[in-house]
Amino acid sequence: MRGLRPLACLLFVVLVVAEAPVAARAQEPRPLRLRVVSHNVWGLPWGISRQREERLAALGPALAALKPDVVALQEVWVPADGERLARDLAAAGLVHHRHVSEGLLGSGLLVASRYPLQGARFVEFYLAGKPHRVGHGDFYARKGALLLRLDTPAGPLLLADTHWHARYGTCEYEALQVTQALQVIDLLGDHGARPPARPDDPARPPLVLCGDLNSERGDLPFRLLCAGAALRAPRAPLRIDWLLARDGGRVRVDVLGVRPHALSDPHPLPGGGRARLSDHDAVVVDLRLAPGRPRAEPPEQARERWEAVSAEAIRLLERERAAVRDLQERALGRAVVLGLASLLLFLGARAWSRRKEKPGRLGCALGGASLLALHLLAWAIYFGALFAPYYAAGLARGLARLGAG
């Protein structure tokens, strides 16, 4: 029996050595096809979005019919709508979801996934909009970016969902969008003004960003985001609704196909009738996650691209900050003049009313002019003491992030 002990030990060592490659292979990420849908669902409350309840009741089954593995939605403003969409998608196998609904309107961001979601992190944009532009209601929402980790058979995948300030057919919000792009870059991490991590770092997971960026391929905020976070855009003709990708250290993200205009046709609604399900088309992208070396620009080229686009962003933010400071000076100067004018008009109206039993036309005119001056004074105080400091501070944060504070 003693002679068998060395043989048993030798056999054990041989088996361990033989099994080691198998164990190593078991830890290697497996290839995975992943269908991702990104969609702005136009879920504004209070009757602003037409047929909201009927459309969103039909949207869940319509999304499920696309057979997605991950759905990233924007403008799910009403919590009840989010709950209904989550139920409909869970019935299709997307049983994990996260809806950032805290606040007056919440963020509007909802992610549903076939795979477990971990480590949710939400960043609210510090420069949200212009309060006095009530028709451009972005300020009153809690817009931002949501970052999650999906545990997939191919290994961990980072997924971001975001919704930037709308353009409203004007360029006045471009600087604001630049600050939002910088916040998203910081959320995604390890590129831009900070020294980039090694693209082939094994611990670096692949990343997919979805969302309504309200920014086209050639726009400065979009170019800044791609340069700062090393994101690749598909060649498909996407306009403002995007899916961008970045390879991981051991896993590549390949785009197999893009449908930029899904759910664009009128759809049957509960209770009868047909309508488009949103004012945006859904974007459907088929991805392949597979082991492979990451694609990355040469470090010097990536640095030059970042420096060029960040210099352009600095010039824009500095121009915008100068305009806001000029607005503040003019508003505060007008506030002084209007304050004195309203006081004098009020005193004049009061003195005239004491001389006459009835105020007469002049007294009424003085009183009306005093009220008008007070109204204009309130606006001047708002612009000079509230809006301009808030907006200038946001622009200053963006400049500081770019190293030009």
Protein backbone atom coordinates (compact mmCIF):
# COMPACT_ATOMS: atom_id res chain seq x y z
CA MET A 1 0.00 0.00 0.00
CA ARG A 2 2.87 2.36 0.78
CA GLY A 3 4.13 1.91 -2.78
CA LEU A 4 0.82 3.17 -4.13
CA ARG A 5 1.04 6.49 -2.29
CA PRO A 6 3.70 8.05 -4.60
CA LEU A 7 1.71 6.87 -7.63
CA ALA A 8 -1.47 8.41 -6.24
CA CYS A 9 0.30 11.71 -5.61
CA LEU A 10 1.73 11.67 -9.14
CA LEU A 11 -1.72 10.95 -10.60
CA PHE A 12 -3.23 13.82 -8.60
CA VAL A 13 -0.60 16.27 -9.90
CA VAL A 14 -1.21 15.12 -13.50
CA LEU A 15 -4.98 15.61 -13.14
CA VAL A 16 -4.57 19.09 -11.64
CA VAL A 17 -2.23 20.15 -14.43
CA ALA A 18 -4.59 18.72 -17.05
CA GLU A 19 -7.62 20.49 -15.59
CA ALA A 20 -5.88 23.88 -15.27
CA PRO A 21 -6.35 24.88 -18.94
CA VAL A 22 -9.99 23.80 -18.75
CA ALA A 23 -10.55 26.02 -15.70
CA ALA A 24 -8.77 28.89 -17.39
CA ARG A 25 -10.93 28.43 -20.48
CA ALA A 26 -14.06 28.41 -18.32
CA GLN A 27 -13.19 31.87 -17.07
CA GLU A 28 -12.72 33.25 -20.59
CA PRO A 29 -15.64 35.40 -21.80
CA ARG A 30 -17.93 33.65 -24.27
CA PRO A 31 -19.13 35.32 -27.49
CA LEU A 32 -22.59 36.83 -27.19
CA ARG A 33 -25.03 38.46 -29.59
CA LEU A 34 -26.88 41.31 -27.94
CA ARG A 35 -29.80 43.31 -29.34
CA VAL A 36 -30.07 46.79 -27.82
CA VAL A 37 -33.00 49.17 -28.39
CA SER A 38 -32.78 52.88 -27.58
CA HIS A 39 -35.96 54.94 -27.74
CA ASN A 40 -37.18 58.38 -26.68
CA VAL A 41 -40.82 57.58 -25.89
CA TRP A 42 -42.23 61.15 -25.67
CA GLY A 43 -43.86 60.62 -22.29
CA LEU A 44 -44.47 64.22 -21.21
CA PRO A 45 -47.29 64.51 -18.64
CA TRP A 46 -50.18 66.98 -18.17
CA GLY A 47 -51.49 66.58 -21.70
CA ILE A 48 -48.33 67.95 -23.34
CA SER A 49 -47.69 64.68 -25.21
CA ARG A 50 -50.74 63.68 -27.23
CA GLN A 51 -52.33 60.31 -26.35
CA ARG A 52 -49.53 59.56 -23.89
CA GLU A 53 -51.31 56.83 -21.92
CA GLU A 54 -52.64 55.05 -25.01
CA ARG A 55 -49.28 55.21 -26.80
CA LEU A 56 -47.24 53.95 -23.86
CA ALA A 57 -49.74 51.17 -23.21
CA ALA A 58 -49.07 49.98 -26.77
CA LEU A 59 -45.33 50.65 -26.61
CA GLY A 60 -44.35 47.85 -24.22
CA PRO A 61 -45.65 45.03 -26.44
CA ALA A 62 -44.23 46.79 -29.52
CA LEU A 63 -40.78 46.93 -27.91
CA ALA A 64 -41.07 43.29 -26.84
CA ALA A 65 -41.85 42.34 -30.45
CA LEU A 66 -38.40 43.64 -31.44
CA LYS A 67 -36.92 40.78 -29.34
CA PRO A 68 -34.41 42.97 -27.47
CA ASP A 69 -31.95 41.90 -24.81
CA VAL A 70 -31.58 45.44 -23.47
CA VAL A 71 -33.90 48.44 -23.77
CA ALA A 72 -32.75 51.98 -22.90
CA LEU A 73 -35.58 54.53 -22.82
CA GLN A 74 -35.74 58.29 -22.44
CA GLU A 75 -38.64 60.59 -21.49
CA VAL A 76 -40.42 58.08 -19.25
CA TRP A 77 -41.43 60.99 -17.03
CA VAL A 78 -44.44 59.47 -15.23
CA PRO A 79 -43.67 56.73 -12.64
CA ALA A 80 -46.85 54.81 -13.52
CA ASP A 81 -45.74 54.69 -17.16
CA GLY A 82 -42.37 53.32 -16.06
CA GLU A 83 -44.02 50.60 -13.99
CA ARG A 84 -46.23 49.56 -16.90
CA LEU A 85 -43.33 49.47 -19.37
CA ALA A 86 -41.22 47.48 -16.89
CA ARG A 87 -44.04 44.93 -16.51
CA ASP A 88 -44.50 44.58 -20.27
CA LEU A 89 -40.77 44.13 -20.84
CA ALA A 90 -40.44 41.70 -17.92
CA ALA A 91 -43.10 39.55 -19.59
CA ALA A 92 -40.77 39.40 -22.61
CA GLY A 93 -37.85 38.22 -20.46
CA LEU A 94 -36.28 41.58 -19.58
CA VAL A 95 -36.84 41.02 -15.88
CA HIS A 96 -34.23 43.47 -14.56
CA HIS A 97 -34.90 47.19 -14.74
CA ARG A 98 -33.92 50.57 -13.28
CA HIS A 99 -36.03 53.72 -13.58
CA VAL A 100 -34.64 56.98 -12.18
CA SER A 101 -37.95 58.62 -11.28
CA GLU A 102 -37.07 60.69 -8.20
CA GLY A 103 -37.87 64.41 -8.36
CA LEU A 104 -40.70 66.44 -9.89
CA LEU A 105 -40.38 64.76 -13.28
CA GLY A 106 -37.49 62.40 -12.62
CA SER A 107 -34.81 61.84 -15.22
CA GLY A 108 -37.03 60.07 -17.73
CA LEU A 109 -34.39 57.31 -18.01
CA LEU A 110 -35.42 53.65 -17.82
CA VAL A 111 -33.28 50.60 -18.60
CA ALA A 112 -34.62 47.05 -18.83
CA SER A 113 -32.38 44.04 -19.37
CA ARG A 114 -32.44 40.30 -19.83
CA TYR A 115 -29.27 40.15 -17.73
CA PRO A 116 -28.79 41.27 -14.10
CA LEU A 117 -28.12 44.97 -13.53
CA GLN A 118 -25.56 46.02 -10.93
CA GLY A 119 -24.05 49.18 -9.50
CA ALA A 120 -26.45 51.83 -10.79
CA ARG A 121 -24.98 55.33 -10.76
CA PHE A 122 -26.93 58.43 -11.84
CA VAL A 123 -25.39 61.86 -12.46
CA GLU A 124 -27.70 64.86 -12.73
CA PHE A 125 -26.61 67.65 -15.08
CA TYR A 126 -25.57 70.73 -13.09
CA LEU A 127 -26.41 73.06 -16.00
CA ALA A 128 -29.95 71.95 -16.74
CA GLY A 129 -31.42 74.75 -18.83
CA LYS A 130 -32.93 78.22 -18.63
CA PRO A 131 -35.79 78.59 -16.11
CA HIS A 132 -37.33 81.57 -17.95
CA ARG A 133 -37.65 79.54 -21.16
CA VAL A 134 -40.75 77.78 -19.87
CA GLY A 135 -41.60 76.46 -23.32
CA HIS A 136 -38.18 74.80 -23.33
CA GLY A 137 -38.92 72.85 -20.19
CA ASP A 138 -35.65 70.91 -19.83
CA PHE A 139 -34.69 72.89 -16.71
CA TYR A 140 -37.67 71.50 -14.80
CA ALA A 141 -36.76 67.87 -15.50
CA ARG A 142 -33.95 66.00 -13.78
CA LYS A 143 -31.97 65.19 -16.88
CA GLY A 144 -28.67 63.37 -16.56
CA ALA A 145 -26.92 60.09 -17.31
CA LEU A 146 -27.37 56.62 -15.83
CA LEU A 147 -24.54 54.06 -15.76
CA LEU A 148 -25.17 50.37 -15.02
CA ARG A 149 -23.23 47.12 -15.20
CA LEU A 150 -24.78 44.13 -16.92
CA ASP A 151 -23.61 40.65 -15.94
CA THR A 152 -23.65 38.82 -19.29
CA PRO A 153 -22.26 35.45 -20.44
CA ALA A 154 -19.56 37.48 -22.21
CA GLY A 155 -18.58 39.09 -18.92
CA PRO A 156 -19.49 42.47 -17.45
CA LEU A 157 -20.79 45.15 -19.83
CA LEU A 158 -21.17 48.80 -18.87
CA LEU A 159 -24.34 50.42 -20.21
CA ALA A 160 -25.08 54.14 -20.09
CA ASP A 161 -28.39 55.84 -20.86
CA THR A 162 -28.59 59.63 -21.22
CA HIS A 163 -30.77 62.46 -22.49
CA TRP A 164 -29.25 65.85 -23.26
CA HIS A 165 -30.88 69.27 -23.49
CA ALA A 166 -32.91 69.76 -26.68
CA ARG A 167 -31.75 72.20 -29.36
CA TYR A 168 -35.19 73.68 -30.24
CA GLY A 169 -33.87 74.64 -33.66
CA THR A 170 -31.31 77.07 -32.27
CA CYS A 171 -27.63 77.14 -31.30
CA GLU A 172 -28.20 78.85 -27.93
CA TYR A 173 -27.84 75.57 -26.00
CA GLU A 174 -24.62 74.31 -27.61
CA ALA A 175 -22.42 75.48 -24.72
CA LEU A 176 -24.81 73.90 -22.23
CA GLN A 177 -24.61 70.61 -24.14
CA VAL A 178 -20.81 70.82 -23.96
CA THR A 179 -21.01 70.85 -20.14
CA GLN A 180 -23.36 67.86 -20.27
CA ALA A 181 -20.95 65.99 -22.55
CA LEU A 182 -18.15 66.64 -20.05
CA GLN A 183 -20.22 65.17 -17.22
CA VAL A 184 -20.93 62.05 -19.26
CA ILE A 185 -17.21 61.72 -20.07
CA ASP A 186 -16.44 61.83 -16.35
CA LEU A 187 -19.14 59.24 -15.65
CA LEU A 188 -17.76 56.86 -18.27
CA GLY A 189 -14.26 57.43 -16.97
CA ASP A 190 -10.59 56.99 -17.83
CA HIS A 191 -10.31 59.20 -20.92
CA GLY A 192 -10.19 62.85 -21.82
CA ALA A 193 -8.31 65.35 -19.67
CA ARG A 194 -7.25 62.57 -17.31
CA PRO A 195 -4.50 60.21 -18.51
CA PRO A 196 -6.27 57.35 -20.34
CA ALA A 197 -6.16 53.87 -18.91
CA ARG A 198 -4.47 51.17 -20.96
CA PRO A 199 -7.06 50.10 -23.54
CA ASP A 200 -5.94 46.48 -23.12
CA ASP A 201 -6.30 46.46 -19.33
CA PRO A 202 -8.05 43.11 -18.65
CA ALA A 203 -10.13 44.70 -15.89
CA ARG A 204 -11.59 47.27 -18.30
CA PRO A 205 -15.11 46.15 -19.36
CA PRO A 206 -16.65 47.03 -22.72
CA LEU A 207 -19.12 49.90 -22.76
CA VAL A 208 -22.25 50.85 -24.71
CA LEU A 209 -23.88 54.29 -24.48
CA CYS A 210 -27.48 54.83 -25.61
CA GLY A 211 -29.60 57.93 -25.62
CA ASP A 212 -31.09 61.01 -27.16
CA LEU A 213 -28.08 63.32 -27.36
CA ASN A 214 -29.91 66.02 -29.34
CA SER A 215 -26.57 66.35 -31.10
CA GLU A 216 -25.58 65.26 -34.59
CA ARG A 217 -22.40 63.57 -35.75
CA GLY A 218 -20.57 66.78 -36.67
CA ASP A 219 -21.72 68.86 -33.69
CA LEU A 220 -19.16 69.94 -31.11
CA PRO A 221 -20.81 68.27 -28.06
CA PHE A 222 -20.96 64.95 -29.92
CA ARG A 223 -17.36 65.14 -31.12
CA LEU A 224 -16.23 66.11 -27.61
CA LEU A 225 -17.99 63.09 -26.11
CA CYS A 226 -16.50 60.64 -28.61
CA ALA A 227 -12.98 62.05 -28.24
CA GLY A 228 -13.15 62.29 -24.46
CA ALA A 229 -14.60 58.84 -23.80
CA ALA A 230 -13.04 56.95 -26.75
CA LEU A 231 -16.47 56.04 -28.13
CA ARG A 232 -17.11 54.74 -31.65
CA ALA A 233 -20.22 55.70 -33.61
CA PRO A 234 -21.74 53.24 -36.10
CA ARG A 235 -21.70 54.24 -39.74
CA ALA A 236 -25.49 54.02 -39.95
CA PRO A 237 -27.39 57.27 -40.71
CA LEU A 238 -28.27 58.11 -37.11
CA ARG A 239 -29.13 61.73 -36.33
CA ILE A 240 -29.66 62.57 -32.63
CA ASP A 241 -30.64 59.18 -31.13
CA TRP A 242 -27.39 57.25 -30.71
CA LEU A 243 -25.75 54.02 -29.69
CA LEU A 244 -21.99 54.39 -29.18
CA ALA A 245 -19.52 51.69 -28.14
CA ARG A 246 -16.08 51.19 -26.64
CA ASP A 247 -14.11 47.93 -26.52
CA GLY A 248 -13.06 46.42 -23.23
CA GLY A 249 -9.63 45.14 -22.33
CA ARG A 250 -10.45 41.57 -23.34
CA VAL A 251 -13.84 41.88 -25.07
CA ARG A 252 -14.60 43.69 -28.31
CA VAL A 253 -17.95 45.25 -29.21
CA ASP A 254 -18.79 44.73 -32.89
CA VAL A 255 -21.84 46.30 -34.53
CA LEU A 256 -23.56 43.67 -36.68
CA GLY A 257 -26.52 45.73 -37.85
CA VAL A 258 -28.46 48.94 -37.20
CA ARG A 259 -32.15 49.76 -37.75
CA PRO A 260 -32.35 53.54 -37.29
CA HIS A 261 -36.09 53.89 -37.95
CA ALA A 262 -37.83 51.12 -35.99
CA LEU A 263 -41.39 51.71 -34.72
CA SER A 264 -41.80 54.59 -37.16
CA ASP A 265 -45.17 53.53 -38.61
CA PRO A 266 -48.59 54.22 -37.01
CA HIS A 267 -49.46 51.50 -34.52
CA PRO A 268 -52.84 50.25 -33.23
CA LEU A 269 -53.77 51.81 -29.89
CA PRO A 270 -55.86 50.33 -27.07
CA GLY A 271 -59.45 51.42 -27.54
CA GLY A 272 -59.10 51.90 -31.29
CA GLY A 273 -57.30 54.18 -33.66
CA ARG A 274 -53.71 54.26 -34.83
CA ALA A 275 -50.83 56.62 -34.08
CA ARG A 276 -47.07 56.79 -34.07
CA LEU A 277 -45.83 55.56 -30.71
CA SER A 278 -43.45 58.52 -30.25
CA ASP A 279 -42.13 61.61 -31.98
CA HIS A 280 -38.81 59.71 -32.23
CA ASP A 281 -38.05 56.47 -34.05
CA ALA A 282 -36.54 53.63 -32.05
CA VAL A 283 -32.94 52.63 -32.80
CA VAL A 284 -32.26 48.88 -32.87
CA VAL A 285 -28.62 47.74 -32.86
CA ASP A 286 -27.35 44.17 -32.97
CA LEU A 287 -24.00 43.78 -31.22
CA ARG A 288 -21.51 40.99 -30.83
CA LEU A 289 -19.42 40.78 -27.68
CA ALA A 290 -16.46 38.48 -28.20
CA PRO A 291 -12.92 37.99 -26.87
CA GLY A 292 -10.40 40.04 -28.77
CA ARG A 293 -7.87 42.84 -28.61
CA PRO A 294 -9.42 46.29 -28.23
CA ARG A 295 -9.39 48.77 -31.09
CA ALA A 296 -7.94 52.08 -30.01
CA GLU A 297 -6.34 55.11 -31.60
CA PRO A 298 -2.58 55.48 -31.13
CA PRO A 299 -2.11 57.48 -27.90
CA GLU A 300 -0.54 60.47 -29.64
CA GLN A 301 -3.34 60.65 -32.20
CA ALA A 302 -6.03 60.33 -29.52
CA ARG A 303 -4.38 63.08 -27.48
CA GLU A 304 -4.19 65.41 -30.50
CA ARG A 305 -7.86 64.81 -31.31
CA TRP A 306 -8.86 65.52 -27.71
CA GLU A 307 -6.75 68.69 -27.55
CA ALA A 308 -8.25 70.02 -30.80
CA VAL A 309 -11.87 69.44 -29.83
CA SER A 310 -11.37 70.62 -26.24
CA ALA A 311 -9.77 73.86 -27.50
CA GLU A 312 -12.87 74.41 -29.63
CA ALA A 313 -15.06 73.77 -26.58
CA ILE A 314 -13.02 76.20 -24.45
CA ARG A 315 -13.51 78.97 -27.01
CA LEU A 316 -17.26 78.36 -27.06
CA LEU A 317 -17.60 78.31 -23.26
CA GLU A 318 -15.51 81.46 -22.88
CA ARG A 319 -17.67 83.32 -25.44
CA GLU A 320 -20.81 82.16 -23.68
CA ARG A 321 -19.48 83.16 -20.25
CA ALA A 322 -18.56 86.63 -21.54
CA ALA A 323 -22.08 87.03 -22.93
CA VAL A 324 -23.62 85.95 -19.61
CA ARG A 325 -21.42 88.38 -17.65
CA ASP A 326 -22.45 91.18 -20.02
CA LEU A 327 -26.10 90.21 -19.49
CA GLN A 328 -25.57 90.32 -15.71
CA GLU A 329 -24.02 93.80 -15.80
CA ARG A 330 -26.78 95.18 -18.00
CA ALA A 331 -29.52 93.55 -15.91
CA LEU A 332 -28.15 94.88 -12.61
CA GLY A 333 -27.76 98.38 -14.10
CA ARG A 334 -31.34 98.30 -15.33
CA ALA A 335 -32.50 97.04 -11.95
CA VAL A 336 -31.13 100.20 -10.30
CA VAL A 337 -32.81 102.46 -12.88
CA LEU A 338 -36.09 100.57 -12.76
CA GLY A 339 -36.09 100.52 -8.97
CA LEU A 340 -35.74 104.31 -8.83
CA ALA A 341 -38.29 104.76 -11.62
CA SER A 342 -40.89 102.54 -9.95
CA LEU A 343 -40.41 104.37 -6.64
CA LEU A 344 -40.79 107.81 -8.25
CA LEU A 345 -43.82 106.72 -10.26
CA PHE A 346 -45.44 105.24 -7.18
CA LEU A 347 -44.82 108.41 -5.16
CA GLY A 348 -46.14 110.52 -8.04
CA ALA A 349 -49.30 108.44 -8.34
CA ARG A 350 -49.86 108.62 -4.60
CA ALA A 351 -49.33 112.40 -4.49
CA TRP A 352 -51.71 112.91 -7.41
CA SER A 353 -54.39 110.76 -5.78
CA ARG A 354 -54.20 112.91 -2.62
CA ARG A 355 -54.82 116.07 -4.61
CA LYS A 356 -57.89 114.70 -6.36
CA GLU A 357 -60.87 112.78 -5.07
CA LYS A 358 -60.64 110.64 -8.19
CA PRO A 359 -57.22 109.64 -9.51
CA GLY A 360 -58.00 110.71 -13.08
CA ARG A 361 -56.17 109.67 -16.19
CA LEU A 362 -52.78 110.93 -15.07
CA GLY A 363 -53.03 109.15 -11.71
CA CYS A 364 -54.04 105.91 -13.42
CA ALA A 365 -51.20 106.30 -15.92
CA LEU A 366 -48.69 106.88 -13.13
CA GLY A 367 -49.97 103.85 -11.20
CA GLY A 368 -49.88 101.63 -14.30
CA ALA A 369 -46.38 102.81 -15.18
CA SER A 370 -45.27 102.06 -11.62
CA LEU A 371 -46.59 98.50 -11.87
CA LEU A 372 -44.91 98.03 -15.25
CA ALA A 373 -41.62 99.29 -13.82
CA LEU A 374 -41.95 96.85 -10.90
CA HIS A 375 -42.56 94.00 -13.34
CA LEU A 376 -39.48 94.92 -15.36
CA LEU A 377 -37.52 95.34 -12.12
CA ALA A 378 -38.40 91.77 -11.10
CA TRP A 379 -37.10 90.47 -14.43
CA ALA A 380 -33.91 92.52 -14.15
CA ILE A 381 -33.27 91.16 -10.65
CA TYR A 382 -33.91 87.61 -11.89
CA PHE A 383 -31.44 87.90 -14.76
CA GLY A 384 -28.80 89.84 -12.84
CA ALA A 385 -28.93 88.18 -9.41
CA LEU A 386 -30.24 84.67 -10.10
CA PHE A 387 -29.96 83.39 -13.66
CA ALA A 388 -26.62 84.90 -14.69
CA PRO A 389 -24.70 83.68 -11.59
CA TYR A 390 -26.20 80.18 -11.97
CA TYR A 391 -25.38 79.95 -15.67
CA ALA A 392 -21.92 81.50 -15.36
CA ALA A 393 -21.05 79.06 -12.55
CA GLY A 394 -22.02 76.11 -14.76
CA LEU A 395 -19.90 77.40 -17.62
CA ALA A 396 -17.00 77.96 -15.21
CA ARG A 397 -17.23 74.32 -14.08
CA GLY A 398 -17.02 73.22 -17.69
CA LEU A 399 -13.98 75.42 -18.30
CA ALA A 400 -12.30 74.12 -15.15
CA ARG A 401 -12.92 70.55 -16.32
CA LEU A 402 -11.15 71.44 -19.57
CA GLY A 403 -8.25 72.99 -17.67
CA ALA A 404 -9.14 76.57 -18.60
CA GLY A 405 -10.78 77.82 -15.41
